[in-house]
Amino acid sequence: IQAMGVVIPEDEVPISIDDVVIVEAKVYPTKVSTYVTIEAADIISVSIVGTDGKVITTVNAQGNNSVVVPTIGLVQGNYFVQVVTSHGVIVKQIMK
């Protein structure tokens, strides 16, 4: 379960605020031209997803804390950046 950056594993029900994990990621720039940079702890993969839900590209990060994804081939429009970390999944929006 995820809402506003808070991730709660589906098989666990938090019994206190200490059981809730906050997952954060920086995605910049939000208006991209040639690349987008993602910063988060223990990144597993980053995907660029179209508004139709199709995955356009995926980059495996292998636990890095920073990833640069080329966006030069994207056509103008809105996209989602799906960041999978060892702590949860974060989705941010970018525009080309």
N, C-alpha and C. Protein backbone atom coordinates (compact mmCIF):
# COMPACT_ATOMS: atom_id res chain seq x y z
N ILE A 1 0.87 -1.17 0.00
CA ILE A 1 0.00 0.00 0.00
C ILE A 1 0.91 1.22 0.00
N GLN A 2 0.61 2.19 -0.88
CA GLN A 2 1.42 3.40 -0.93
C GLN A 2 0.52 4.61 -1.07
N ALA A 3 0.80 5.64 -0.29
CA ALA A 3 0.08 6.91 -0.40
C ALA A 3 1.00 8.01 0.07
N MET A 4 1.18 9.00 -0.76
CA MET A 4 1.98 10.17 -0.41
C MET A 4 3.37 9.80 0.09
N GLY A 5 4.00 8.82 -0.58
CA GLY A 5 5.36 8.45 -0.22
C GLY A 5 5.47 7.51 0.96
N VAL A 6 4.35 7.12 1.55
CA VAL A 6 4.37 6.20 2.67
C VAL A 6 4.07 4.81 2.14
N VAL A 7 4.94 3.86 2.43
CA VAL A 7 4.77 2.50 1.94
C VAL A 7 4.50 1.57 3.11
N ILE A 8 3.42 0.81 2.98
CA ILE A 8 3.06 -0.18 4.00
C ILE A 8 2.97 -1.53 3.29
N PRO A 9 3.82 -2.48 3.63
CA PRO A 9 3.73 -3.80 3.01
C PRO A 9 2.34 -4.40 3.21
N GLU A 10 1.83 -5.03 2.15
CA GLU A 10 0.47 -5.57 2.20
C GLU A 10 0.29 -6.65 3.25
N ASP A 11 1.36 -7.37 3.58
CA ASP A 11 1.23 -8.45 4.55
C ASP A 11 1.48 -7.99 5.98
N GLU A 12 1.68 -6.68 6.17
CA GLU A 12 1.92 -6.16 7.52
C GLU A 12 0.96 -5.00 7.81
N VAL A 13 0.41 -4.99 8.95
CA VAL A 13 -0.43 -3.88 9.39
C VAL A 13 0.34 -3.14 10.47
N PRO A 14 0.64 -1.85 10.22
CA PRO A 14 1.42 -1.12 11.23
C PRO A 14 0.63 -0.93 12.52
N ILE A 15 1.31 -1.12 13.63
CA ILE A 15 0.64 -0.92 14.90
C ILE A 15 1.11 0.36 15.58
N SER A 16 2.13 0.98 14.99
CA SER A 16 2.57 2.28 15.48
C SER A 16 3.19 3.06 14.34
N ILE A 17 3.39 4.35 14.52
CA ILE A 17 3.98 5.18 13.48
C ILE A 17 5.40 4.73 13.17
N ASP A 18 6.08 4.10 14.10
CA ASP A 18 7.44 3.61 13.87
C ASP A 18 7.48 2.47 12.85
N ASP A 19 6.34 1.83 12.57
CA ASP A 19 6.28 0.73 11.62
C ASP A 19 6.10 1.20 10.18
N VAL A 20 5.89 2.49 9.96
CA VAL A 20 5.65 3.04 8.63
C VAL A 20 6.98 3.51 8.04
N VAL A 21 7.23 3.15 6.77
CA VAL A 21 8.47 3.52 6.08
C VAL A 21 8.17 4.65 5.10
N ILE A 22 8.94 5.73 5.18
CA ILE A 22 8.80 6.83 4.24
C ILE A 22 9.80 6.61 3.11
N VAL A 23 9.31 6.56 1.89
CA VAL A 23 10.16 6.35 0.73
C VAL A 23 10.17 7.64 -0.07
N GLU A 24 11.36 8.18 -0.31
CA GLU A 24 11.48 9.43 -1.03
C GLU A 24 12.41 9.26 -2.22
N ALA A 25 12.16 10.06 -3.25
CA ALA A 25 13.03 10.09 -4.42
C ALA A 25 13.01 11.49 -5.01
N LYS A 26 14.17 11.93 -5.47
CA LYS A 26 14.27 13.19 -6.20
C LYS A 26 14.34 12.85 -7.68
N VAL A 27 13.49 13.48 -8.47
CA VAL A 27 13.48 13.30 -9.91
C VAL A 27 13.59 14.69 -10.52
N TYR A 28 14.67 14.92 -11.29
CA TYR A 28 14.87 16.25 -11.88
C TYR A 28 15.66 16.13 -13.18
N PRO A 29 15.48 17.08 -14.08
CA PRO A 29 14.47 18.13 -14.06
C PRO A 29 13.10 17.53 -14.35
N THR A 30 12.04 18.22 -13.99
CA THR A 30 10.69 17.70 -14.28
C THR A 30 10.30 17.98 -15.72
N LYS A 31 10.92 18.99 -16.35
CA LYS A 31 10.74 19.23 -17.79
C LYS A 31 12.06 18.83 -18.44
N VAL A 32 12.06 17.65 -19.06
CA VAL A 32 13.29 17.04 -19.54
C VAL A 32 13.54 17.37 -21.01
N SER A 33 14.82 17.28 -21.40
CA SER A 33 15.15 17.38 -22.81
C SER A 33 15.98 16.17 -23.24
N THR A 34 17.13 15.95 -22.57
CA THR A 34 17.99 14.83 -22.99
C THR A 34 18.16 13.75 -21.92
N TYR A 35 17.88 14.08 -20.66
CA TYR A 35 18.03 13.09 -19.59
C TYR A 35 17.19 13.48 -18.39
N VAL A 36 16.98 12.52 -17.49
CA VAL A 36 16.35 12.76 -16.20
C VAL A 36 17.21 12.06 -15.16
N THR A 37 17.43 12.74 -14.04
CA THR A 37 18.23 12.19 -12.95
C THR A 37 17.32 11.78 -11.81
N ILE A 38 17.57 10.61 -11.26
CA ILE A 38 16.79 10.09 -10.14
C ILE A 38 17.75 9.82 -8.98
N GLU A 39 17.38 10.31 -7.81
CA GLU A 39 18.16 10.05 -6.59
C GLU A 39 17.25 9.46 -5.53
N ALA A 40 17.63 8.32 -5.01
CA ALA A 40 16.90 7.65 -3.93
C ALA A 40 17.83 6.60 -3.34
N ALA A 41 17.49 6.13 -2.17
CA ALA A 41 18.30 5.10 -1.52
C ALA A 41 18.02 3.73 -2.13
N ASP A 42 19.07 3.00 -2.46
CA ASP A 42 18.98 1.61 -2.92
C ASP A 42 18.04 1.41 -4.11
N ILE A 43 18.29 2.14 -5.20
CA ILE A 43 17.44 2.02 -6.39
C ILE A 43 17.70 0.67 -7.05
N ILE A 44 16.63 -0.04 -7.34
CA ILE A 44 16.73 -1.32 -8.03
C ILE A 44 16.54 -1.11 -9.53
N SER A 45 15.50 -0.35 -9.90
CA SER A 45 15.27 -0.05 -11.32
C SER A 45 14.48 1.24 -11.45
N VAL A 46 14.58 1.82 -12.65
CA VAL A 46 13.83 3.03 -12.99
C VAL A 46 13.18 2.78 -14.34
N SER A 47 11.87 3.05 -14.43
CA SER A 47 11.16 2.88 -15.70
C SER A 47 10.51 4.20 -16.09
N ILE A 48 10.53 4.49 -17.39
CA ILE A 48 9.78 5.60 -17.95
C ILE A 48 8.51 4.99 -18.53
N VAL A 49 7.36 5.48 -18.09
CA VAL A 49 6.08 4.90 -18.48
C VAL A 49 5.22 5.99 -19.12
N GLY A 50 4.60 5.67 -20.25
CA GLY A 50 3.70 6.61 -20.91
C GLY A 50 2.38 6.72 -20.18
N THR A 51 1.61 7.74 -20.52
CA THR A 51 0.31 7.92 -19.87
C THR A 51 -0.66 6.80 -20.20
N ASP A 52 -0.34 6.03 -21.24
CA ASP A 52 -1.18 4.88 -21.60
C ASP A 52 -0.80 3.62 -20.80
N GLY A 53 0.24 3.75 -19.94
CA GLY A 53 0.65 2.63 -19.11
C GLY A 53 1.74 1.77 -19.70
N LYS A 54 2.14 2.05 -20.94
CA LYS A 54 3.20 1.25 -21.57
C LYS A 54 4.57 1.67 -21.05
N VAL A 55 5.38 0.68 -20.71
CA VAL A 55 6.75 0.94 -20.27
C VAL A 55 7.59 1.23 -21.50
N ILE A 56 8.20 2.41 -21.53
CA ILE A 56 8.99 2.83 -22.68
C ILE A 56 10.44 2.37 -22.53
N THR A 57 10.99 2.52 -21.34
CA THR A 57 12.35 2.09 -21.08
C THR A 57 12.52 1.76 -19.61
N THR A 58 13.41 0.83 -19.32
CA THR A 58 13.74 0.48 -17.94
C THR A 58 15.25 0.40 -17.81
N VAL A 59 15.76 0.99 -16.73
CA VAL A 59 17.18 0.95 -16.43
C VAL A 59 17.37 0.21 -15.11
N ASN A 60 18.21 -0.80 -15.11
CA ASN A 60 18.53 -1.51 -13.87
C ASN A 60 19.61 -0.74 -13.14
N ALA A 61 19.39 -0.46 -11.86
CA ALA A 61 20.30 0.38 -11.09
C ALA A 61 21.18 -0.41 -10.13
N GLN A 62 20.82 -1.63 -9.82
CA GLN A 62 21.62 -2.52 -8.99
C GLN A 62 22.01 -1.90 -7.64
N GLY A 63 21.07 -1.22 -6.99
CA GLY A 63 21.31 -0.70 -5.65
C GLY A 63 21.99 0.65 -5.58
N ASN A 64 22.21 1.30 -6.73
CA ASN A 64 22.82 2.63 -6.72
C ASN A 64 21.87 3.65 -6.10
N ASN A 65 22.43 4.78 -5.69
CA ASN A 65 21.62 5.85 -5.11
C ASN A 65 21.32 6.96 -6.10
N SER A 66 21.85 6.86 -7.31
CA SER A 66 21.61 7.86 -8.35
C SER A 66 21.64 7.19 -9.71
N VAL A 67 20.69 7.56 -10.59
CA VAL A 67 20.60 7.00 -11.93
C VAL A 67 20.26 8.13 -12.90
N VAL A 68 20.91 8.13 -14.06
CA VAL A 68 20.59 9.07 -15.13
C VAL A 68 19.99 8.26 -16.27
N VAL A 69 18.76 8.66 -16.69
CA VAL A 69 18.07 7.95 -17.75
C VAL A 69 17.96 8.87 -18.96
N PRO A 70 18.45 8.43 -20.14
CA PRO A 70 18.33 9.25 -21.34
C PRO A 70 16.87 9.40 -21.76
N THR A 71 16.51 10.62 -22.16
CA THR A 71 15.13 10.88 -22.60
C THR A 71 15.09 11.49 -23.99
N ILE A 72 16.21 11.48 -24.68
CA ILE A 72 16.31 12.14 -25.98
C ILE A 72 15.32 11.56 -27.00
N GLY A 73 14.99 10.26 -26.89
CA GLY A 73 14.10 9.62 -27.85
C GLY A 73 12.61 9.79 -27.55
N LEU A 74 12.29 10.43 -26.44
CA LEU A 74 10.87 10.61 -26.09
C LEU A 74 10.25 11.72 -26.93
N VAL A 75 9.02 11.52 -27.36
CA VAL A 75 8.28 12.58 -28.03
C VAL A 75 7.67 13.51 -26.98
N GLN A 76 7.27 14.71 -27.39
CA GLN A 76 6.68 15.64 -26.44
C GLN A 76 5.45 15.03 -25.79
N GLY A 77 5.34 15.25 -24.48
CA GLY A 77 4.20 14.73 -23.75
C GLY A 77 4.53 14.52 -22.29
N ASN A 78 3.60 13.92 -21.57
CA ASN A 78 3.76 13.63 -20.15
C ASN A 78 4.12 12.16 -19.96
N TYR A 79 4.97 11.91 -18.97
CA TYR A 79 5.42 10.56 -18.67
C TYR A 79 5.49 10.38 -17.15
N PHE A 80 5.54 9.13 -16.73
CA PHE A 80 5.74 8.81 -15.33
C PHE A 80 7.09 8.13 -15.18
N VAL A 81 7.77 8.45 -14.09
CA VAL A 81 9.02 7.79 -13.75
C VAL A 81 8.72 6.89 -12.56
N GLN A 82 8.85 5.60 -12.75
CA GLN A 82 8.60 4.63 -11.70
C GLN A 82 9.94 4.19 -11.13
N VAL A 83 10.17 4.51 -9.85
CA VAL A 83 11.42 4.20 -9.18
C VAL A 83 11.17 3.05 -8.21
N VAL A 84 11.81 1.92 -8.46
CA VAL A 84 11.69 0.77 -7.57
C VAL A 84 12.94 0.74 -6.70
N THR A 85 12.75 0.81 -5.39
CA THR A 85 13.86 0.73 -4.44
C THR A 85 13.66 -0.48 -3.55
N SER A 86 14.66 -0.76 -2.73
CA SER A 86 14.52 -1.87 -1.80
C SER A 86 13.51 -1.55 -0.70
N HIS A 87 13.06 -0.28 -0.64
CA HIS A 87 12.12 0.15 0.39
C HIS A 87 10.70 0.33 -0.13
N GLY A 88 10.52 0.33 -1.45
CA GLY A 88 9.19 0.52 -2.02
C GLY A 88 9.26 1.12 -3.41
N VAL A 89 8.12 1.55 -3.91
CA VAL A 89 8.00 2.10 -5.26
C VAL A 89 7.52 3.53 -5.18
N ILE A 90 8.17 4.43 -5.95
CA ILE A 90 7.78 5.83 -6.01
C ILE A 90 7.48 6.15 -7.46
N VAL A 91 6.43 6.92 -7.71
CA VAL A 91 6.08 7.34 -9.07
C VAL A 91 6.05 8.86 -9.09
N LYS A 92 6.80 9.43 -10.04
CA LYS A 92 6.84 10.88 -10.24
C LYS A 92 6.49 11.16 -11.69
N GLN A 93 6.04 12.39 -11.95
CA GLN A 93 5.68 12.77 -13.32
C GLN A 93 6.74 13.69 -13.91
N ILE A 94 7.04 13.51 -15.21
CA ILE A 94 7.92 14.39 -15.94
C ILE A 94 7.23 14.81 -17.23
N MET A 95 7.77 15.85 -17.87
CA MET A 95 7.21 16.34 -19.12
C MET A 95 8.35 16.53 -20.12
N LYS A 96 8.13 16.16 -21.36
CA LYS A 96 9.13 16.35 -22.41
C LYS A 96 8.67 17.47 -23.30
